Amino acid sequence: MLQVDHLRKQFGELVAVKDVSFAIAEGETFGLLGPNGAGKTTTISMICGLLAPDDGQVHVLGEPIRLGTTRGRMHIGYVPQELAIYPDMSGRDNLRFFARLYGLRGEPARVRIDEVLEVVGLTDRAGDKAREYSGGMQRRLNIAAGMIHRPKLLILDEPTVGIDPQSRNAILDAVAALGDQGMAVLYTTHYMEEAERLCRRVAIMDHGEVRAMGTRRELIEMVGEHDTITVTVLSGAEQAVTSLADEPGVVRAGATDARTVDVVVNDAAVILPHVVTRLADAGLSVQNVQVREPSLDAVFLQITGTALRD
């Protein structure tokens, strides 16, 4: 759906974006993460055709995206962080207005408006003025406006900033449903848990460059993070440590008390059955098992040297 090749943009002495490349497939939600000033907004502006790159190209469905042209840009829906709705119009009238901008009128527009209201959970409040909506509902209407024309690529720029947890969950559920419908989504956020919940792959930007890109597991392996399996046995934690010393995939094991062992492994999903079997073969009774996987927060901190919200 989206192909970004070697984008570069410079403002005076500042190189805001340096050789950025990535692609997003049909039905994929792709996270673009980075601290403030990383170059995300400039990158998005070039993808949307709002800013001309100094070098590089953007294609959506094979169509080049260029400043001042509409061919490729018609496939894009852009939902900015700032609300782009009219507060004195109803939710339905807002969507009718944006539908007309894209050439949708009459029955096709009515059907599509009903569809997007259902997706964002605003059907029951469609006749109310937008200024009467909560902040979260206004955000959801903002998203509905961005997808009214059935874009192939939807760009969401921090769509959950400053809203309550219930509205955030409603937005995340709506975004997750878009991928099931085959829409490609480019998602930026300051909340790492959102990226972990929604995005199959993420790119981490810093100082205008993509510093790392891949699935959660690939990024964790890239920075050398490991899973931890905590095993509680009836007794004999030290014996458990000895039993696991030469188990393939076990990085290290240590007893935290007489019944608890922390086992650091490369991939818990693969190693866990072997750990349990090895302990059972040693005559140890396993009472409880917990798995802790490293988070994207830890990966982001190691790559950029800062927390995502800094």
Protein backbone atom coordinates (compact mmCIF):
# COMPACT_ATOMS: atom_id res chain seq x y z
CA MET A 1 0.00 0.00 0.00
CA LEU A 2 2.73 2.47 0.99
CA GLN A 3 6.31 2.54 -0.21
CA VAL A 4 8.66 5.17 1.23
CA ASP A 5 12.10 5.31 -0.40
CA HIS A 6 15.07 7.31 0.87
CA LEU A 7 13.20 10.42 2.01
CA ARG A 8 15.30 13.40 2.95
CA LYS A 9 14.31 16.89 4.09
CA GLN A 10 16.50 19.75 5.27
CA PHE A 11 15.51 23.11 6.76
CA GLY A 12 18.49 25.44 6.66
CA GLU A 13 21.26 23.72 8.60
CA LEU A 14 18.86 21.20 10.16
CA VAL A 15 18.47 17.85 8.40
CA ALA A 16 15.06 16.86 9.73
CA VAL A 17 14.76 13.56 7.83
CA LYS A 18 17.72 11.51 6.65
CA ASP A 19 17.28 8.65 4.17
CA VAL A 20 14.05 7.23 5.64
CA SER A 21 12.63 4.11 3.97
CA PHE A 22 9.86 1.67 4.91
CA ALA A 23 6.80 -0.03 3.44
CA ILE A 24 3.33 -0.92 4.75
CA ALA A 25 1.32 -3.84 3.41
CA GLU A 26 -2.44 -4.18 2.92
CA GLY A 27 -4.18 -4.72 6.25
CA GLU A 28 -1.06 -3.89 8.28
CA THR A 29 -0.93 -1.41 11.14
CA PHE A 30 2.59 0.03 11.23
CA GLY A 31 3.86 2.09 14.15
CA LEU A 32 6.13 5.10 13.68
CA LEU A 33 7.67 5.91 17.06
CA GLY A 34 10.17 8.48 18.19
CA PRO A 35 10.85 11.18 20.76
CA ASN A 36 9.88 14.78 20.08
CA GLY A 37 12.00 16.20 17.27
CA ALA A 38 12.73 12.78 15.77
CA GLY A 39 11.34 13.75 12.34
CA LYS A 40 8.00 11.91 12.46
CA THR A 41 5.84 14.93 11.59
CA THR A 42 8.08 15.92 8.68
CA THR A 43 8.02 12.36 7.39
CA ILE A 44 4.21 12.21 7.60
CA SER A 45 3.91 15.59 5.84
CA MET A 46 5.95 14.26 2.92
CA ILE A 47 3.93 11.03 2.77
CA CYS A 48 0.70 13.04 2.61
CA GLY A 49 2.03 15.31 -0.13
CA LEU A 50 1.91 18.38 2.10
CA LEU A 51 5.66 18.89 1.96
CA ALA A 52 8.01 18.22 -0.94
CA PRO A 53 11.03 16.05 -0.08
CA ASP A 54 14.50 17.22 -1.02
CA ASP A 55 15.21 13.66 -2.12
CA GLY A 56 13.41 10.32 -2.22
CA GLN A 57 9.95 9.17 -3.25
CA VAL A 58 6.60 8.09 -1.80
CA HIS A 59 4.17 5.77 -3.59
CA VAL A 60 0.68 4.73 -2.49
CA LEU A 61 -0.76 1.82 -4.50
CA GLY A 62 2.01 2.47 -7.00
CA GLU A 63 0.97 6.11 -7.50
CA PRO A 64 3.64 8.75 -6.78
CA ILE A 65 2.78 11.30 -4.09
CA ARG A 66 3.73 14.80 -5.16
CA LEU A 67 3.00 18.28 -3.90
CA GLY A 68 0.07 19.83 -5.76
CA THR A 69 -1.27 16.60 -7.30
CA THR A 70 -4.24 14.52 -6.16
CA ARG A 71 -3.93 11.14 -7.89
CA GLY A 72 -2.05 9.24 -5.22
CA ARG A 73 -3.29 11.41 -2.38
CA MET A 74 -6.90 10.34 -2.97
CA HIS A 75 -5.93 6.96 -1.51
CA ILE A 76 -4.81 8.56 1.78
CA GLY A 77 -6.85 9.45 4.83
CA TYR A 78 -5.05 11.75 7.28
CA VAL A 79 -6.19 12.22 10.88
CA PRO A 80 -4.10 15.00 12.47
CA GLN A 81 -3.45 15.31 16.18
CA GLU A 82 -5.38 18.59 16.19
CA LEU A 83 -9.13 18.20 15.81
CA ALA A 84 -10.34 18.99 12.28
CA ILE A 85 -14.10 19.04 12.86
CA TYR A 86 -16.75 21.75 13.03
CA PRO A 87 -18.10 22.04 16.60
CA ASP A 88 -21.42 23.70 15.67
CA MET A 89 -22.34 20.95 13.22
CA SER A 90 -23.69 17.53 14.19
CA GLY A 91 -21.51 14.48 13.87
CA ARG A 92 -23.48 13.35 10.83
CA ASP A 93 -23.30 16.79 9.19
CA ASN A 94 -19.55 16.90 9.75
CA LEU A 95 -19.20 13.60 7.93
CA ARG A 96 -21.58 14.70 5.18
CA PHE A 97 -19.41 17.79 4.62
CA PHE A 98 -16.19 15.78 4.36
CA ALA A 99 -17.89 13.20 2.16
CA ARG A 100 -18.84 15.96 -0.33
CA LEU A 101 -15.22 17.13 -0.42
CA TYR A 102 -14.38 13.68 -1.75
CA GLY A 103 -17.27 13.67 -4.25
CA LEU A 104 -19.61 11.44 -2.22
CA ARG A 105 -23.26 12.51 -2.34
CA GLY A 106 -26.75 11.07 -2.06
CA GLU A 107 -27.31 7.46 -1.09
CA PRO A 108 -23.65 6.35 -1.38
CA ALA A 109 -22.69 9.12 1.08
CA ARG A 110 -25.48 8.18 3.50
CA VAL A 111 -24.47 4.52 3.48
CA ARG A 112 -20.81 5.34 4.01
CA ILE A 113 -21.58 7.80 6.84
CA ASP A 114 -23.60 5.10 8.61
CA GLU A 115 -20.70 2.67 8.18
CA VAL A 116 -18.04 4.92 9.71
CA LEU A 117 -20.32 6.02 12.54
CA GLU A 118 -20.70 2.35 13.42
CA VAL A 119 -16.94 1.75 13.25
CA VAL A 120 -16.17 4.61 15.68
CA GLY A 121 -19.15 3.94 17.93
CA LEU A 122 -21.02 7.22 17.38
CA THR A 123 -24.24 6.02 15.77
CA ASP A 124 -26.37 6.93 18.80
CA ARG A 125 -24.92 10.46 18.99
CA ALA A 126 -24.76 11.21 15.26
CA GLY A 127 -27.42 13.94 15.47
CA ASP A 128 -25.78 15.84 18.34
CA LYS A 129 -23.52 18.81 17.73
CA ALA A 130 -19.82 17.99 17.92
CA ARG A 131 -19.25 20.58 20.66
CA GLU A 132 -21.54 18.50 22.89
CA TYR A 133 -19.28 15.47 22.50
CA SER A 134 -16.67 14.47 25.05
CA GLY A 135 -13.03 14.86 24.05
CA GLY A 136 -12.82 11.17 23.25
CA MET A 137 -15.94 11.28 21.08
CA GLN A 138 -14.55 14.25 19.16
CA ARG A 139 -11.37 12.26 18.53
CA ARG A 140 -13.46 9.38 17.21
CA LEU A 141 -15.36 11.75 14.91
CA ASN A 142 -11.99 13.05 13.72
CA ILE A 143 -11.04 9.50 12.74
CA ALA A 144 -14.38 8.95 11.02
CA ALA A 145 -13.80 12.06 8.88
CA GLY A 146 -10.39 10.74 7.84
CA MET A 147 -11.79 7.43 6.61
CA ILE A 148 -15.06 8.63 5.04
CA HIS A 149 -13.72 8.19 1.48
CA ARG A 150 -12.54 4.59 2.01
CA PRO A 151 -8.81 5.36 1.87
CA LYS A 152 -6.39 2.52 1.25
CA LEU A 153 -3.95 4.11 3.71
CA LEU A 154 -5.06 5.80 6.94
CA ILE A 155 -2.51 7.95 8.79
CA LEU A 156 -3.27 8.50 12.48
CA ASP A 157 -1.09 11.06 14.24
CA GLU A 158 -1.37 10.46 18.00
CA PRO A 159 -5.15 9.96 17.95
CA THR A 160 -5.51 9.26 21.69
CA VAL A 161 -3.69 12.24 23.22
CA GLY A 162 -5.47 13.77 26.21
CA ILE A 163 -8.50 11.47 26.41
CA ASP A 164 -9.93 9.16 29.07
CA PRO A 165 -9.12 5.41 29.18
CA GLN A 166 -12.60 4.36 28.03
CA SER A 167 -12.39 6.53 24.90
CA ARG A 168 -8.85 5.34 24.27
CA ASN A 169 -10.02 1.73 24.30
CA ALA A 170 -12.85 2.57 21.90
CA ILE A 171 -10.38 4.20 19.49
CA LEU A 172 -7.93 1.30 19.71
CA ASP A 173 -10.72 -1.20 19.04
CA ALA A 174 -11.80 0.85 16.01
CA VAL A 175 -8.23 1.00 14.65
CA ALA A 176 -7.78 -2.75 15.14
CA ALA A 177 -10.94 -3.36 13.09
CA LEU A 178 -9.55 -1.34 10.18
CA GLY A 179 -6.75 -3.82 9.62
CA ASP A 180 -9.29 -6.63 9.49
CA GLN A 181 -10.98 -4.70 6.66
CA GLY A 182 -7.73 -4.60 4.67
CA MET A 183 -6.89 -0.94 5.32
CA ALA A 184 -3.23 -0.09 5.85
CA VAL A 185 -2.65 2.13 8.90
CA LEU A 186 0.35 4.30 9.75
CA TYR A 187 0.09 4.98 13.48
CA THR A 188 2.15 7.39 15.57
CA THR A 189 1.79 7.48 19.34
CA HIS A 190 3.47 8.48 22.59
CA TYR A 191 2.01 5.43 24.30
CA MET A 192 4.13 2.33 23.83
CA GLU A 193 1.36 0.03 25.02
CA GLU A 194 -0.74 1.20 22.05
CA ALA A 195 2.01 0.26 19.63
CA GLU A 196 2.37 -3.15 21.28
CA ARG A 197 -1.39 -3.71 21.08
CA LEU A 198 -1.98 -2.55 17.50
CA CYS A 199 1.17 -2.71 15.41
CA ARG A 200 2.59 -5.77 13.73
CA ARG A 201 5.79 -3.84 13.00
CA VAL A 202 7.24 -0.57 14.25
CA ALA A 203 9.97 1.80 13.12
CA ILE A 204 11.85 3.77 15.76
CA MET A 205 13.00 7.19 14.55
CA ASP A 206 15.57 9.41 16.23
CA HIS A 207 17.40 12.48 14.90
CA GLY A 208 15.70 12.11 11.52
CA GLU A 209 16.73 8.50 10.94
CA VAL A 210 15.07 5.12 11.29
CA ARG A 211 17.26 3.57 13.97
CA ALA A 212 15.47 0.22 14.09
CA MET A 213 12.52 -1.47 12.41
CA GLY A 214 10.77 -4.82 12.76
CA THR A 215 8.34 -6.84 14.79
CA ARG A 216 8.38 -6.64 18.56
CA ARG A 217 10.35 -9.88 18.77
CA GLU A 218 12.85 -8.77 16.11
CA LEU A 219 13.52 -5.48 17.92
CA ILE A 220 13.97 -7.23 21.24
CA GLU A 221 16.45 -9.65 19.71
CA MET A 222 18.24 -6.75 18.01
CA VAL A 223 19.14 -5.14 21.33
CA GLY A 224 19.86 -8.43 23.08
CA GLU A 225 16.92 -8.46 25.49
CA HIS A 226 15.76 -11.82 26.88
CA ASP A 227 12.60 -13.37 28.31
CA THR A 228 12.46 -14.46 31.94
CA ILE A 229 10.64 -17.57 33.14
CA THR A 230 9.96 -17.59 36.88
CA VAL A 231 9.35 -21.12 38.14
CA THR A 232 8.04 -21.97 41.60
CA VAL A 233 8.81 -25.51 42.75
CA LEU A 234 7.62 -27.37 45.85
CA SER A 235 11.23 -27.44 47.04
CA GLY A 236 14.75 -27.68 45.67
CA ALA A 237 15.34 -24.41 43.83
CA GLU A 238 19.10 -24.92 43.79
CA GLN A 239 18.64 -28.40 42.30
CA ALA A 240 16.46 -26.78 39.61
CA VAL A 241 19.25 -24.33 38.76
CA THR A 242 21.71 -27.20 38.38
CA SER A 243 19.27 -29.17 36.21
CA LEU A 244 18.82 -26.24 33.81
CA ALA A 245 22.48 -25.27 33.52
CA ASP A 246 23.02 -27.02 30.18
CA GLU A 247 19.52 -26.72 28.72
CA PRO A 248 19.74 -25.26 25.16
CA GLY A 249 18.27 -21.78 24.97
CA VAL A 250 18.78 -21.03 28.68
CA VAL A 251 21.05 -18.00 29.10
CA ARG A 252 21.27 -18.26 32.89
CA ALA A 253 19.29 -19.48 35.88
CA GLY A 254 19.37 -18.44 39.51
CA ALA A 255 17.44 -19.19 42.68
CA THR A 256 15.80 -16.20 44.38
CA ASP A 257 14.72 -18.28 47.38
CA ALA A 258 14.29 -21.95 48.34
CA ARG A 259 11.34 -22.42 45.97
CA THR A 260 11.74 -19.83 43.20
CA VAL A 261 14.01 -19.86 40.15
CA ASP A 262 14.42 -17.13 37.54
CA VAL A 263 15.38 -18.62 34.17
CA VAL A 264 16.59 -16.15 31.53
CA VAL A 265 15.98 -17.55 28.03
CA ASN A 266 16.20 -16.49 24.42
CA ASP A 267 12.57 -17.24 23.53
CA ALA A 268 10.14 -18.30 26.26
CA ALA A 269 7.53 -19.59 23.81
CA VAL A 270 10.03 -22.14 22.51
CA ILE A 271 12.00 -22.92 25.65
CA LEU A 272 9.24 -23.12 28.28
CA PRO A 273 8.07 -26.71 27.53
CA HIS A 274 11.67 -27.92 27.65
CA VAL A 275 12.27 -26.17 30.99
CA VAL A 276 9.21 -27.78 32.57
CA THR A 277 10.14 -31.22 31.16
CA ARG A 278 13.73 -30.94 32.42
CA LEU A 279 12.55 -30.07 35.94
CA ALA A 280 10.03 -32.92 35.95
CA ASP A 281 12.73 -35.37 34.82
CA ALA A 282 14.84 -34.16 37.76
CA GLY A 283 12.04 -35.13 40.15
CA LEU A 284 10.99 -31.56 40.94
CA SER A 285 7.34 -30.59 41.37
CA VAL A 286 6.52 -27.40 39.47
CA GLN A 287 3.85 -25.36 41.29
CA ASN A 288 3.67 -22.21 39.18
CA VAL A 289 5.19 -20.68 36.04
CA GLN A 290 5.22 -17.02 34.98
CA VAL A 291 6.74 -15.52 31.83
CA ARG A 292 7.98 -11.93 31.59
CA GLU A 293 8.81 -10.64 28.14
CA PRO A 294 10.85 -7.45 27.65
CA SER A 295 8.72 -4.52 26.57
CA LEU A 296 9.13 -2.15 23.64
CA ASP A 297 9.72 0.56 26.25
CA ALA A 298 13.03 -1.09 27.15
CA VAL A 299 13.97 -1.44 23.49
CA PHE A 300 13.10 2.20 22.76
CA LEU A 301 15.11 3.43 25.73
CA GLN A 302 18.15 1.42 24.70
CA ILE A 303 18.00 2.58 21.07
CA THR A 304 17.27 6.28 21.62
CA GLY A 305 18.57 6.86 25.15
CA THR A 306 15.25 8.42 26.17
CA ALA A 307 11.78 7.29 27.17
CA LEU A 308 9.09 7.65 24.51
CA ARG A 309 7.20 10.37 26.44
CA ASP A 310 10.32 12.49 27.11
